[in-house]
Amino acid sequence: MNINLKHCTTKENKRPLENLQQLYLHDLSEFANDLQIDKSGKFENDDITHYFE
């Protein structure tokens, strides 16, 4: 299996990173009881917009 890492520097990369964050939180939820799912069915998390500033 080949894995390629891409440096994300633009807001166009925000959506894929948010999706990956949801997968990470799903896996983490097995061990962390404080993770909550919002009305849209997504895990509540911090906005990642500040990473692109």
N, C-alpha and C. Protein backbone atom coordinates (compact mmCIF):
# COMPACT_ATOMS: atom_id res chain seq x y z
N MET A 1 0.84 -1.17 0.00
CA MET A 1 0.00 0.00 0.00
C MET A 1 0.90 1.24 0.00
N ASN A 2 0.60 2.17 -0.89
CA ASN A 2 1.32 3.43 -0.95
C ASN A 2 0.48 4.52 -0.30
N ILE A 3 1.13 5.33 0.52
CA ILE A 3 0.46 6.45 1.16
C ILE A 3 1.20 7.72 0.77
N ASN A 4 0.45 8.68 0.28
CA ASN A 4 1.02 9.98 -0.08
C ASN A 4 0.46 11.04 0.83
N LEU A 5 1.34 11.84 1.40
CA LEU A 5 0.92 12.96 2.22
C LEU A 5 0.98 14.23 1.41
N LYS A 6 -0.02 15.05 1.58
CA LYS A 6 -0.08 16.30 0.85
C LYS A 6 -0.19 17.44 1.85
N HIS A 7 0.65 18.45 1.69
CA HIS A 7 0.61 19.62 2.56
C HIS A 7 -0.62 20.44 2.19
N CYS A 8 -1.51 20.64 3.12
CA CYS A 8 -2.77 21.36 2.86
C CYS A 8 -2.60 22.81 3.30
N THR A 9 -2.64 23.69 2.33
CA THR A 9 -2.42 25.10 2.65
C THR A 9 -3.56 26.00 2.21
N THR A 10 -4.55 25.46 1.56
CA THR A 10 -5.63 26.30 1.06
C THR A 10 -6.97 25.84 1.60
N LYS A 11 -7.95 26.70 1.55
CA LYS A 11 -9.27 26.36 2.06
C LYS A 11 -9.96 25.30 1.23
N GLU A 12 -9.49 25.06 0.00
CA GLU A 12 -10.09 24.00 -0.81
C GLU A 12 -9.83 22.63 -0.21
N ASN A 13 -8.85 22.53 0.66
CA ASN A 13 -8.54 21.27 1.33
C ASN A 13 -9.32 21.10 2.63
N LYS A 14 -10.16 22.07 2.97
CA LYS A 14 -10.87 22.02 4.25
C LYS A 14 -11.85 20.85 4.32
N ARG A 15 -12.66 20.63 3.31
CA ARG A 15 -13.69 19.59 3.34
C ARG A 15 -13.08 18.19 3.52
N PRO A 16 -12.06 17.82 2.74
CA PRO A 16 -11.47 16.49 2.96
C PRO A 16 -10.89 16.33 4.37
N LEU A 17 -10.30 17.39 4.90
CA LEU A 17 -9.75 17.30 6.26
C LEU A 17 -10.86 17.17 7.30
N GLU A 18 -11.97 17.86 7.09
CA GLU A 18 -13.10 17.72 8.00
C GLU A 18 -13.64 16.30 7.96
N ASN A 19 -13.70 15.70 6.79
CA ASN A 19 -14.16 14.32 6.66
C ASN A 19 -13.21 13.35 7.36
N LEU A 20 -11.91 13.57 7.20
CA LEU A 20 -10.94 12.72 7.89
C LEU A 20 -11.04 12.89 9.40
N GLN A 21 -11.32 14.12 9.84
CA GLN A 21 -11.47 14.37 11.27
C GLN A 21 -12.68 13.60 11.82
N GLN A 22 -13.75 13.52 11.05
CA GLN A 22 -14.92 12.76 11.47
C GLN A 22 -14.58 11.27 11.64
N LEU A 23 -13.80 10.74 10.72
CA LEU A 23 -13.38 9.34 10.83
C LEU A 23 -12.50 9.12 12.06
N TYR A 24 -11.60 10.06 12.30
CA TYR A 24 -10.74 9.98 13.48
C TYR A 24 -11.58 10.01 14.76
N LEU A 25 -12.54 10.94 14.82
CA LEU A 25 -13.38 11.05 16.01
C LEU A 25 -14.24 9.79 16.20
N HIS A 26 -14.68 9.21 15.10
CA HIS A 26 -15.45 7.96 15.20
C HIS A 26 -14.60 6.87 15.86
N ASP A 27 -13.38 6.73 15.39
CA ASP A 27 -12.49 5.71 15.98
C ASP A 27 -12.19 6.04 17.45
N LEU A 28 -11.97 7.31 17.74
CA LEU A 28 -11.65 7.74 19.10
C LEU A 28 -12.83 7.55 20.05
N SER A 29 -14.04 7.60 19.53
CA SER A 29 -15.23 7.51 20.38
C SER A 29 -15.32 6.19 21.14
N GLU A 30 -14.62 5.19 20.66
CA GLU A 30 -14.58 3.91 21.38
C GLU A 30 -13.94 4.07 22.75
N PHE A 31 -13.03 5.03 22.88
CA PHE A 31 -12.26 5.22 24.11
C PHE A 31 -12.62 6.49 24.87
N ALA A 32 -13.30 7.43 24.22
CA ALA A 32 -13.65 8.70 24.84
C ALA A 32 -15.17 8.84 24.90
N ASN A 33 -15.70 8.83 26.09
CA ASN A 33 -17.16 8.87 26.26
C ASN A 33 -17.75 10.26 26.10
N ASP A 34 -16.92 11.29 26.01
CA ASP A 34 -17.43 12.65 25.96
C ASP A 34 -17.64 13.17 24.53
N LEU A 35 -17.40 12.38 23.52
CA LEU A 35 -17.63 12.81 22.15
C LEU A 35 -19.12 12.72 21.84
N GLN A 36 -19.68 13.80 21.34
CA GLN A 36 -21.11 13.89 21.09
C GLN A 36 -21.39 14.00 19.59
N ILE A 37 -22.52 13.47 19.17
CA ILE A 37 -22.98 13.58 17.79
C ILE A 37 -24.04 14.67 17.74
N ASP A 38 -23.93 15.58 16.77
CA ASP A 38 -24.89 16.67 16.66
C ASP A 38 -26.13 16.24 15.87
N LYS A 39 -27.05 17.18 15.64
CA LYS A 39 -28.32 16.87 14.97
C LYS A 39 -28.14 16.39 13.54
N SER A 40 -27.02 16.78 12.91
CA SER A 40 -26.78 16.36 11.52
C SER A 40 -26.10 14.99 11.44
N GLY A 41 -25.81 14.39 12.60
CA GLY A 41 -25.20 13.07 12.62
C GLY A 41 -23.69 13.08 12.59
N LYS A 42 -23.11 14.25 12.80
CA LYS A 42 -21.65 14.37 12.81
C LYS A 42 -21.16 14.58 14.24
N PHE A 43 -19.93 14.16 14.47
CA PHE A 43 -19.34 14.42 15.77
C PHE A 43 -19.08 15.92 15.90
N GLU A 44 -19.39 16.45 17.08
CA GLU A 44 -19.10 17.85 17.34
C GLU A 44 -17.59 18.01 17.44
N ASN A 45 -17.08 19.04 16.77
CA ASN A 45 -15.65 19.28 16.81
C ASN A 45 -15.36 20.76 16.60
N ASP A 46 -14.12 21.12 16.82
CA ASP A 46 -13.70 22.50 16.62
C ASP A 46 -13.59 22.80 15.15
N ASP A 47 -13.86 24.03 14.80
CA ASP A 47 -13.71 24.47 13.41
C ASP A 47 -12.23 24.48 13.06
N ILE A 48 -11.89 23.95 11.89
CA ILE A 48 -10.48 23.88 11.50
C ILE A 48 -10.04 25.05 10.62
N THR A 49 -10.91 26.05 10.44
CA THR A 49 -10.60 27.17 9.55
C THR A 49 -9.32 27.87 9.96
N HIS A 50 -9.07 27.98 11.26
CA HIS A 50 -7.88 28.71 11.72
C HIS A 50 -6.57 28.04 11.27
N TYR A 51 -6.62 26.78 10.89
CA TYR A 51 -5.41 26.13 10.40
C TYR A 51 -4.97 26.65 9.03
N PHE A 52 -5.87 27.32 8.33
CA PHE A 52 -5.58 27.81 6.98
C PHE A 52 -5.24 29.29 6.96
N GLU A 53 -5.15 29.92 8.10
CA GLU A 53 -4.86 31.35 8.13
C GLU A 53 -3.37 31.60 8.09
